[in-house]
Amino acid sequence: SLIQLRQPVVQPQGEARSDMEIVFDLARRLGLGDQFWNGDIDAAYRHQLAPSGISLEALRASPRGIQPPVETRYRKYAEEQDGIPRGFATPTRKIELYSQTLLEAGYPPLPGFEEPLVSPFSQPELAERYPLIFTCAKHTLFCESQHRALPSLRRRAREPEIELHPDTAVARGINAGDWVAIETPNGSVRARAKFDDTLNPRVVCGQHGWWQACPEIDAPGYPAFDETGANVNLLIGSEAADPISGSTPLRSYLCQVSRI
């Protein structure tokens, strides 16, 4: 394996800060500084590196990274400690299909299907106005919401797209390449229509991460907090968050699509 410290290539632009700085500063302001090394990111790195025997200074002096001698181990859970198998990082040291921890927190201890809080079955009246199910995925050319400013990549994907079944499009008077509005009870954004006959006709698939411009090839940016933009986060409300994990239904939200 290779241990590498990714160091800044350029100074942050404008008010931009690294994710680590934001998280550590937020934790400190929330009174959780003692769990985040009182905001000292280098101290956190040193703590993480300690088991490897590699220092932070050594990593900074080796931008290509350091490859420590590592022995590949299989079935680590079966290794014995004081005559007892090591097991897994759970209270019982077993794979827990039944979770006592969840039960004690007031949740079902076994996994099971729960109908999404915003779906054609849980909210049929809402589904009359928003009959389609919105899902989304990242574009494989880009890293999440980054790199749309790189001409070599943006030339291959100039605009945000929404994939939908041809039958779904025909029923709404939408042609391939049309600009369409994707609307949910929470908001609206825009994208180019792209046909995919492998999709279920009830489902449309958007792309997240569109905001950057690419001036070198005259590719525009998109407002991140406006319905004239393409930020699919605006479509998803927080009221339907999963009660256990807190995750939002990025792949199961009611929507409607119309030609602009």
C-alpha atoms as a PDB file:
ATOM      1  CA  SER A   1       0.000   0.000   0.000  1.00  0.00           C
ATOM      2  CA  LEU A   2       1.009   3.633  -0.441  1.00  0.00           C
ATOM      3  CA  ILE A   3       0.612   6.417   2.109  1.00  0.00           C
ATOM      4  CA  GLN A   4       0.530   9.866   0.555  1.00  0.00           C
ATOM      5  CA  LEU A   5      -0.249  13.363   1.802  1.00  0.00           C
ATOM      6  CA  ARG A   6      -2.059  15.390  -0.830  1.00  0.00           C
ATOM      7  CA  GLN A   7      -0.718  18.917  -0.547  1.00  0.00           C
ATOM      8  CA  PRO A   8      -2.294  22.087  -2.023  1.00  0.00           C
ATOM      9  CA  VAL A   9      -1.161  22.930  -5.538  1.00  0.00           C
ATOM     10  CA  VAL A  10      -2.519  26.502  -5.425  1.00  0.00           C
ATOM     11  CA  GLN A  11      -3.781  28.815  -2.714  1.00  0.00           C
ATOM     12  CA  PRO A  12      -7.542  28.595  -2.002  1.00  0.00           C
ATOM     13  CA  GLN A  13      -9.580  30.894  -4.230  1.00  0.00           C
ATOM     14  CA  GLY A  14     -11.792  33.521  -2.619  1.00  0.00           C
ATOM     15  CA  GLU A  15     -13.283  32.281   0.648  1.00  0.00           C
ATOM     16  CA  ALA A  16     -12.741  28.601  -0.189  1.00  0.00           C
ATOM     17  CA  ARG A  17     -11.388  26.350   2.547  1.00  0.00           C
ATOM     18  CA  SER A  18     -10.583  22.661   2.663  1.00  0.00           C
ATOM     19  CA  ASP A  19     -13.232  20.226   3.882  1.00  0.00           C
ATOM     20  CA  MET A  20     -11.015  19.369   6.853  1.00  0.00           C
ATOM     21  CA  GLU A  21     -10.773  23.002   7.940  1.00  0.00           C
ATOM     22  CA  ILE A  22     -14.530  23.438   7.712  1.00  0.00           C
ATOM     23  CA  VAL A  23     -15.300  20.252   9.668  1.00  0.00           C
ATOM     24  CA  PHE A  24     -12.725  20.893  12.393  1.00  0.00           C
ATOM     25  CA  ASP A  25     -13.743  24.532  12.806  1.00  0.00           C
ATOM     26  CA  LEU A  26     -17.424  23.606  12.944  1.00  0.00           C
ATOM     27  CA  ALA A  27     -16.719  20.941  15.575  1.00  0.00           C
ATOM     28  CA  ARG A  28     -14.796  23.456  17.673  1.00  0.00           C
ATOM     29  CA  ARG A  29     -17.620  26.003  17.503  1.00  0.00           C
ATOM     30  CA  LEU A  30     -20.150  23.326  18.471  1.00  0.00           C
ATOM     31  CA  GLY A  31     -18.168  22.527  21.595  1.00  0.00           C
ATOM     32  CA  LEU A  32     -16.743  19.288  20.210  1.00  0.00           C
ATOM     33  CA  GLY A  33     -13.192  20.539  19.862  1.00  0.00           C
ATOM     34  CA  ASP A  34     -11.806  17.949  22.282  1.00  0.00           C
ATOM     35  CA  GLN A  35     -12.891  15.223  19.838  1.00  0.00           C
ATOM     36  CA  PHE A  36     -11.245  17.022  16.916  1.00  0.00           C
ATOM     37  CA  TRP A  37      -7.820  17.778  18.372  1.00  0.00           C
ATOM     38  CA  ASN A  38      -9.016  21.313  19.214  1.00  0.00           C
ATOM     39  CA  GLY A  39      -8.968  22.185  15.541  1.00  0.00           C
ATOM     40  CA  ASP A  40      -5.374  21.048  14.958  1.00  0.00           C
ATOM     41  CA  ILE A  41      -5.506  19.122  11.674  1.00  0.00           C
ATOM     42  CA  ASP A  42      -1.815  18.203  11.812  1.00  0.00           C
ATOM     43  CA  ALA A  43      -2.371  16.619  15.229  1.00  0.00           C
ATOM     44  CA  ALA A  44      -5.153  14.510  13.711  1.00  0.00           C
ATOM     45  CA  TYR A  45      -2.873  13.409  10.888  1.00  0.00           C
ATOM     46  CA  ARG A  46      -0.161  12.425  13.376  1.00  0.00           C
ATOM     47  CA  HIS A  47      -2.677  10.379  15.371  1.00  0.00           C
ATOM     48  CA  GLN A  48      -3.790   8.577  12.215  1.00  0.00           C
ATOM     49  CA  LEU A  49      -0.205   7.918  11.135  1.00  0.00           C
ATOM     50  CA  ALA A  50       1.039   6.714  14.532  1.00  0.00           C
ATOM     51  CA  PRO A  51       0.378   2.965  13.975  1.00  0.00           C
ATOM     52  CA  SER A  52       2.334   3.071  10.704  1.00  0.00           C
ATOM     53  CA  GLY A  53       5.482   4.536  12.256  1.00  0.00           C
ATOM     54  CA  ILE A  54       5.586   7.195   9.526  1.00  0.00           C
ATOM     55  CA  SER A  55       5.780  10.824  10.573  1.00  0.00           C
ATOM     56  CA  LEU A  56       3.847  13.690   9.053  1.00  0.00           C
ATOM     57  CA  GLU A  57       7.132  15.456   8.330  1.00  0.00           C
ATOM     58  CA  ALA A  58       8.387  12.432   6.383  1.00  0.00           C
ATOM     59  CA  LEU A  59       5.225  12.426   4.282  1.00  0.00           C
ATOM     60  CA  ARG A  60       5.537  16.116   3.510  1.00  0.00           C
ATOM     61  CA  ALA A  61       9.124  15.526   2.413  1.00  0.00           C
ATOM     62  CA  SER A  62       8.003  12.682   0.112  1.00  0.00           C
ATOM     63  CA  PRO A  63       5.266  14.052  -2.184  1.00  0.00           C
ATOM     64  CA  ARG A  64       5.172  10.794  -4.149  1.00  0.00           C
ATOM     65  CA  GLY A  65       4.244   8.950  -0.969  1.00  0.00           C
ATOM     66  CA  ILE A  66       5.830   6.296   1.214  1.00  0.00           C
ATOM     67  CA  GLN A  67       5.240   2.581   0.789  1.00  0.00           C
ATOM     68  CA  PRO A  68       5.502   0.873   4.191  1.00  0.00           C
ATOM     69  CA  PRO A  69       6.215  -2.840   4.477  1.00  0.00           C
ATOM     70  CA  VAL A  70       2.760  -4.350   4.799  1.00  0.00           C
ATOM     71  CA  GLU A  71       1.904  -8.005   5.193  1.00  0.00           C
ATOM     72  CA  THR A  72      -1.412  -8.988   3.643  1.00  0.00           C
ATOM     73  CA  ARG A  73      -3.569 -10.831   6.158  1.00  0.00           C
ATOM     74  CA  TYR A  74      -6.678 -12.825   5.427  1.00  0.00           C
ATOM     75  CA  ARG A  75      -9.400 -13.940   7.861  1.00  0.00           C
ATOM     76  CA  LYS A  76      -8.266 -11.415  10.460  1.00  0.00           C
ATOM     77  CA  TYR A  77     -11.478 -12.052  12.329  1.00  0.00           C
ATOM     78  CA  ALA A  78     -10.253 -15.613  13.054  1.00  0.00           C
ATOM     79  CA  GLU A  79      -6.964 -14.532  14.627  1.00  0.00           C
ATOM     80  CA  GLU A  80      -6.927 -15.350  18.325  1.00  0.00           C
ATOM     81  CA  GLN A  81      -6.332 -12.958  21.185  1.00  0.00           C
ATOM     82  CA  ASP A  82      -5.878 -14.714  24.542  1.00  0.00           C
ATOM     83  CA  GLY A  83      -7.310 -17.853  22.968  1.00  0.00           C
ATOM     84  CA  ILE A  84     -10.437 -16.079  21.701  1.00  0.00           C
ATOM     85  CA  PRO A  85     -11.092 -15.255  18.025  1.00  0.00           C
ATOM     86  CA  ARG A  86     -10.673 -11.567  17.332  1.00  0.00           C
ATOM     87  CA  GLY A  87     -14.036 -11.286  15.572  1.00  0.00           C
ATOM     88  CA  PHE A  88     -15.484  -8.084  14.151  1.00  0.00           C
ATOM     89  CA  ALA A  89     -15.856  -4.531  15.451  1.00  0.00           C
ATOM     90  CA  THR A  90     -19.311  -5.116  16.961  1.00  0.00           C
ATOM     91  CA  PRO A  91     -20.431  -5.493  20.599  1.00  0.00           C
ATOM     92  CA  THR A  92     -20.747  -9.271  20.121  1.00  0.00           C
ATOM     93  CA  ARG A  93     -17.667  -9.506  17.868  1.00  0.00           C
ATOM     94  CA  LYS A  94     -19.921 -11.318  15.385  1.00  0.00           C
ATOM     95  CA  ILE A  95     -21.608 -10.270  12.151  1.00  0.00           C
ATOM     96  CA  GLU A  96     -24.791  -8.801  13.600  1.00  0.00           C
ATOM     97  CA  LEU A  97     -27.817  -9.385  11.391  1.00  0.00           C
ATOM     98  CA  TYR A  98     -29.782  -8.712  14.571  1.00  0.00           C
ATOM     99  CA  SER A  99     -28.590  -5.434  16.102  1.00  0.00           C
ATOM    100  CA  GLN A 100     -29.034  -5.058  19.836  1.00  0.00           C
ATOM    101  CA  THR A 101     -27.648  -1.529  19.507  1.00  0.00           C
ATOM    102  CA  LEU A 102     -30.491  -0.500  17.192  1.00  0.00           C
ATOM    103  CA  LEU A 103     -33.052  -2.204  19.426  1.00  0.00           C
ATOM    104  CA  GLU A 104     -31.827  -0.299  22.479  1.00  0.00           C
ATOM    105  CA  ALA A 105     -32.103   2.932  20.485  1.00  0.00           C
ATOM    106  CA  GLY A 106     -35.756   2.177  19.744  1.00  0.00           C
ATOM    107  CA  TYR A 107     -35.379   0.907  16.187  1.00  0.00           C
ATOM    108  CA  PRO A 108     -36.099  -2.519  14.656  1.00  0.00           C
ATOM    109  CA  PRO A 109     -33.116  -4.819  15.250  1.00  0.00           C
ATOM    110  CA  LEU A 110     -33.536  -6.617  11.911  1.00  0.00           C
ATOM    111  CA  PRO A 111     -33.382  -5.074   8.431  1.00  0.00           C
ATOM    112  CA  GLY A 112     -36.620  -4.829   6.518  1.00  0.00           C
ATOM    113  CA  PHE A 113     -38.243  -2.901   3.690  1.00  0.00           C
ATOM    114  CA  GLU A 114     -39.709   0.483   4.539  1.00  0.00           C
ATOM    115  CA  GLU A 115     -41.686   2.367   1.916  1.00  0.00           C
ATOM    116  CA  PRO A 116     -40.013   5.739   1.184  1.00  0.00           C
ATOM    117  CA  LEU A 117     -41.740   8.660   2.886  1.00  0.00           C
ATOM    118  CA  VAL A 118     -42.246  10.336  -0.502  1.00  0.00           C
ATOM    119  CA  SER A 119     -43.397   7.720  -3.025  1.00  0.00           C
ATOM    120  CA  PRO A 120     -46.434   6.872  -5.189  1.00  0.00           C
ATOM    121  CA  PHE A 121     -47.608   4.443  -2.497  1.00  0.00           C
ATOM    122  CA  SER A 122     -46.958   6.494   0.636  1.00  0.00           C
ATOM    123  CA  GLN A 123     -48.313   9.743  -0.873  1.00  0.00           C
ATOM    124  CA  PRO A 124     -50.699   8.864  -3.751  1.00  0.00           C
ATOM    125  CA  GLU A 125     -52.297  12.328  -3.832  1.00  0.00           C
ATOM    126  CA  LEU A 126     -48.908  13.996  -4.249  1.00  0.00           C
ATOM    127  CA  ALA A 127     -48.031  11.444  -6.934  1.00  0.00           C
ATOM    128  CA  GLU A 128     -50.928  12.700  -9.069  1.00  0.00           C
ATOM    129  CA  ARG A 129     -48.999  15.944  -9.561  1.00  0.00           C
ATOM    130  CA  TYR A 130     -45.544  14.354  -9.445  1.00  0.00           C
ATOM    131  CA  PRO A 131     -45.994  10.908 -11.055  1.00  0.00           C
ATOM    132  CA  LEU A 132     -42.334  10.142 -11.799  1.00  0.00           C
ATOM    133  CA  ILE A 133     -39.607   8.893  -9.473  1.00  0.00           C
ATOM    134  CA  PHE A 134     -36.389  10.889  -9.473  1.00  0.00           C
ATOM    135  CA  THR A 135     -33.029   9.224  -8.977  1.00  0.00           C
ATOM    136  CA  CYS A 136     -29.547  10.597  -9.606  1.00  0.00           C
ATOM    137  CA  ALA A 137     -25.968   9.525 -10.167  1.00  0.00           C
ATOM    138  CA  LYS A 138     -22.551  11.075 -10.679  1.00  0.00           C
ATOM    139  CA  HIS A 139     -21.162  11.558 -14.160  1.00  0.00           C
ATOM    140  CA  THR A 140     -18.266   9.157 -14.694  1.00  0.00           C
ATOM    141  CA  LEU A 141     -16.126  11.859 -16.339  1.00  0.00           C
ATOM    142  CA  PHE A 142     -16.033  13.989 -13.204  1.00  0.00           C
ATOM    143  CA  CYS A 143     -15.211  13.592  -9.532  1.00  0.00           C
ATOM    144  CA  GLU A 144     -18.480  14.429  -7.793  1.00  0.00           C
ATOM    145  CA  SER A 145     -18.969  18.227  -8.250  1.00  0.00           C
ATOM    146  CA  GLN A 146     -15.397  18.906  -9.392  1.00  0.00           C
ATOM    147  CA  HIS A 147     -13.533  19.213 -12.694  1.00  0.00           C
ATOM    148  CA  ARG A 148     -16.249  20.617 -14.951  1.00  0.00           C
ATOM    149  CA  ALA A 149     -13.887  23.570 -15.438  1.00  0.00           C
ATOM    150  CA  LEU A 150     -11.348  21.324 -17.205  1.00  0.00           C
ATOM    151  CA  PRO A 151     -11.680  21.718 -20.995  1.00  0.00           C
ATOM    152  CA  SER A 152     -10.486  18.167 -21.734  1.00  0.00           C
ATOM    153  CA  LEU A 153     -13.388  16.744 -19.709  1.00  0.00           C
ATOM    154  CA  ARG A 154     -16.040  19.390 -20.329  1.00  0.00           C
ATOM    155  CA  ARG A 155     -15.767  18.968 -24.097  1.00  0.00           C
ATOM    156  CA  ARG A 156     -17.103  15.443 -23.614  1.00  0.00           C
ATOM    157  CA  ALA A 157     -20.005  16.542 -21.399  1.00  0.00           C
ATOM    158  CA  ARG A 158     -20.887  20.186 -21.932  1.00  0.00           C
ATOM    159  CA  GLU A 159     -24.293  20.308 -20.245  1.00  0.00           C
ATOM    160  CA  PRO A 160     -26.258  18.635 -17.446  1.00  0.00           C
ATOM    161  CA  GLU A 161     -28.569  15.884 -18.641  1.00  0.00           C
ATOM    162  CA  ILE A 162     -31.637  14.096 -17.355  1.00  0.00           C
ATOM    163  CA  GLU A 163     -32.163  10.546 -18.600  1.00  0.00           C
ATOM    164  CA  LEU A 164     -35.688   9.318 -19.236  1.00  0.00           C
ATOM    165  CA  HIS A 165     -37.442   6.581 -21.179  1.00  0.00           C
ATOM    166  CA  PRO A 166     -38.547   7.581 -24.720  1.00  0.00           C
ATOM    167  CA  ASP A 167     -42.179   6.729 -23.871  1.00  0.00           C
ATOM    168  CA  THR A 168     -42.024   9.037 -20.857  1.00  0.00           C
ATOM    169  CA  ALA A 169     -40.676  11.807 -23.073  1.00  0.00           C
ATOM    170  CA  VAL A 170     -43.220  11.334 -25.889  1.00  0.00           C
ATOM    171  CA  ALA A 171     -46.099  11.555 -23.418  1.00  0.00           C
ATOM    172  CA  ARG A 172     -44.792  14.994 -22.425  1.00  0.00           C
ATOM    173  CA  GLY A 173     -43.879  16.309 -25.858  1.00  0.00           C
ATOM    174  CA  ILE A 174     -40.155  16.121 -25.110  1.00  0.00           C
ATOM    175  CA  ASN A 175     -37.539  15.518 -27.793  1.00  0.00           C
ATOM    176  CA  ALA A 176     -33.993  14.314 -27.185  1.00  0.00           C
ATOM    177  CA  GLY A 177     -31.811  17.344 -26.481  1.00  0.00           C
ATOM    178  CA  ASP A 178     -34.654  19.582 -25.280  1.00  0.00           C
ATOM    179  CA  TRP A 179     -34.138  21.653 -22.167  1.00  0.00           C
ATOM    180  CA  VAL A 180     -36.569  20.386 -19.550  1.00  0.00           C
ATOM    181  CA  ALA A 181     -37.563  21.360 -16.041  1.00  0.00           C
ATOM    182  CA  ILE A 182     -37.386  18.729 -13.317  1.00  0.00           C
ATOM    183  CA  GLU A 183     -39.795  19.706 -10.559  1.00  0.00           C
ATOM    184  CA  THR A 184     -40.475  18.223  -7.126  1.00  0.00           C
ATOM    185  CA  PRO A 185     -42.472  19.513  -4.150  1.00  0.00           C
ATOM    186  CA  ASN A 186     -39.186  20.987  -2.948  1.00  0.00           C
ATOM    187  CA  GLY A 187     -37.893  22.837  -6.020  1.00  0.00           C
ATOM    188  CA  SER A 188     -37.056  22.866  -9.708  1.00  0.00           C
ATOM    189  CA  VAL A 189     -33.905  22.641 -11.869  1.00  0.00           C
ATOM    190  CA  ARG A 190     -33.074  22.343 -15.577  1.00  0.00           C
ATOM    191  CA  ALA A 191     -31.223  19.853 -17.762  1.00  0.00           C
ATOM    192  CA  ARG A 192     -31.040  18.482 -21.294  1.00  0.00           C
ATOM    193  CA  ALA A 193     -33.244  15.479 -22.070  1.00  0.00           C
ATOM    194  CA  LYS A 194     -31.419  12.272 -22.948  1.00  0.00           C
ATOM    195  CA  PHE A 195     -33.295   9.103 -23.887  1.00  0.00           C
ATOM    196  CA  ASP A 196     -32.534   5.733 -22.287  1.00  0.00           C
ATOM    197  CA  ASP A 197     -34.880   2.874 -23.148  1.00  0.00           C
ATOM    198  CA  THR A 198     -33.382   0.692 -20.400  1.00  0.00           C
ATOM    199  CA  LEU A 199     -34.925   2.914 -17.714  1.00  0.00           C
ATOM    200  CA  ASN A 200     -38.276   2.091 -16.181  1.00  0.00           C
ATOM    201  CA  PRO A 201     -40.764   4.565 -17.757  1.00  0.00           C
ATOM    202  CA  ARG A 202     -41.701   5.750 -14.258  1.00  0.00           C
ATOM    203  CA  VAL A 203     -38.100   6.730 -13.424  1.00  0.00           C
ATOM    204  CA  VAL A 204     -35.889   9.650 -14.484  1.00  0.00           C
ATOM    205  CA  CYS A 205     -32.197   9.921 -13.645  1.00  0.00           C
ATOM    206  CA  GLY A 206     -30.391  13.225 -13.097  1.00  0.00           C
ATOM    207  CA  GLN A 207     -26.754  14.164 -12.536  1.00  0.00           C
ATOM    208  CA  HIS A 208     -25.447  15.947  -9.483  1.00  0.00           C
ATOM    209  CA  GLY A 209     -22.551  18.373  -9.252  1.00  0.00           C
ATOM    210  CA  TRP A 210     -23.237  20.896 -12.034  1.00  0.00           C
ATOM    211  CA  TRP A 211     -22.213  24.467 -11.221  1.00  0.00           C
ATOM    212  CA  GLN A 212     -18.739  25.249 -12.608  1.00  0.00           C
ATOM    213  CA  ALA A 213     -18.164  27.166 -15.841  1.00  0.00           C
ATOM    214  CA  CYS A 214     -15.399  26.379 -18.333  1.00  0.00           C
ATOM    215  CA  PRO A 215     -14.509  29.725 -19.963  1.00  0.00           C
ATOM    216  CA  GLU A 216     -11.873  28.174 -22.245  1.00  0.00           C
ATOM    217  CA  ILE A 217     -14.577  26.480 -24.319  1.00  0.00           C
ATOM    218  CA  ASP A 218     -17.415  28.940 -23.543  1.00  0.00           C
ATOM    219  CA  ALA A 219     -19.267  26.372 -21.443  1.00  0.00           C
ATOM    220  CA  PRO A 220     -21.471  28.153 -18.900  1.00  0.00           C
ATOM    221  CA  GLY A 221     -21.744  27.707 -15.172  1.00  0.00           C
ATOM    222  CA  TYR A 222     -25.079  27.123 -13.464  1.00  0.00           C
ATOM    223  CA  PRO A 223     -26.490  28.940 -10.404  1.00  0.00           C
ATOM    224  CA  ALA A 224     -26.260  26.573  -7.451  1.00  0.00           C
ATOM    225  CA  PHE A 225     -29.310  27.922  -5.596  1.00  0.00           C
ATOM    226  CA  ASP A 226     -31.672  28.908  -8.400  1.00  0.00           C
ATOM    227  CA  GLU A 227     -34.287  27.094 -10.490  1.00  0.00           C
ATOM    228  CA  THR A 228     -32.436  28.213 -13.629  1.00  0.00           C
ATOM    229  CA  GLY A 229     -29.516  26.078 -12.463  1.00  0.00           C
ATOM    230  CA  ALA A 230     -28.911  22.336 -12.405  1.00  0.00           C
ATOM    231  CA  ASN A 231     -28.252  21.604  -8.726  1.00  0.00           C
ATOM    232  CA  VAL A 232     -30.352  18.497  -8.063  1.00  0.00           C
ATOM    233  CA  ASN A 233     -29.866  18.954  -4.311  1.00  0.00           C
ATOM    234  CA  LEU A 234     -32.586  21.612  -4.588  1.00  0.00           C
ATOM    235  CA  LEU A 235     -35.068  18.889  -5.518  1.00  0.00           C
ATOM    236  CA  ILE A 236     -34.774  16.838  -2.339  1.00  0.00           C
ATOM    237  CA  GLY A 237     -36.409  17.912   0.904  1.00  0.00           C
ATOM    238  CA  SER A 238     -35.018  17.164   4.340  1.00  0.00           C
ATOM    239  CA  GLU A 239     -38.416  16.100   5.688  1.00  0.00           C
ATOM    240  CA  ALA A 240     -37.999  12.629   4.197  1.00  0.00           C
ATOM    241  CA  ALA A 241     -34.637  11.816   5.794  1.00  0.00           C
ATOM    242  CA  ASP A 242     -34.138   8.262   7.021  1.00  0.00           C
ATOM    243  CA  PRO A 243     -34.691   8.237  10.816  1.00  0.00           C
ATOM    244  CA  ILE A 244     -31.790   5.857  11.482  1.00  0.00           C
ATOM    245  CA  SER A 245     -29.027   6.950   9.129  1.00  0.00           C
ATOM    246  CA  GLY A 246     -30.181  10.506   8.465  1.00  0.00           C
ATOM    247  CA  SER A 247     -29.626  10.027   4.729  1.00  0.00           C
ATOM    248  CA  THR A 248     -31.884  11.804   2.254  1.00  0.00           C
ATOM    249  CA  PRO A 249     -33.835  10.044  -0.531  1.00  0.00           C
ATOM    250  CA  LEU A 250     -31.557  11.011  -3.407  1.00  0.00           C
ATOM    251  CA  ARG A 251     -32.811   8.020  -5.391  1.00  0.00           C
ATOM    252  CA  SER A 252     -36.493   7.868  -4.518  1.00  0.00           C
ATOM    253  CA  TYR A 253     -38.288  11.218  -4.722  1.00  0.00           C
ATOM    254  CA  LEU A 254     -41.450  12.146  -6.583  1.00  0.00           C
ATOM    255  CA  CYS A 255     -41.020  14.500  -9.539  1.00  0.00           C
ATOM    256  CA  GLN A 256     -42.466  15.771 -12.801  1.00  0.00           C
ATOM    257  CA  VAL A 257     -40.588  16.610 -16.006  1.00  0.00           C
ATOM    258  CA  SER A 258     -41.781  19.162 -18.560  1.00  0.00           C
ATOM    259  CA  ARG A 259     -40.388  20.778 -21.690  1.00  0.00           C
ATOM    260  CA  ILE A 260     -39.183  24.363 -21.289  1.00  0.00           C
END
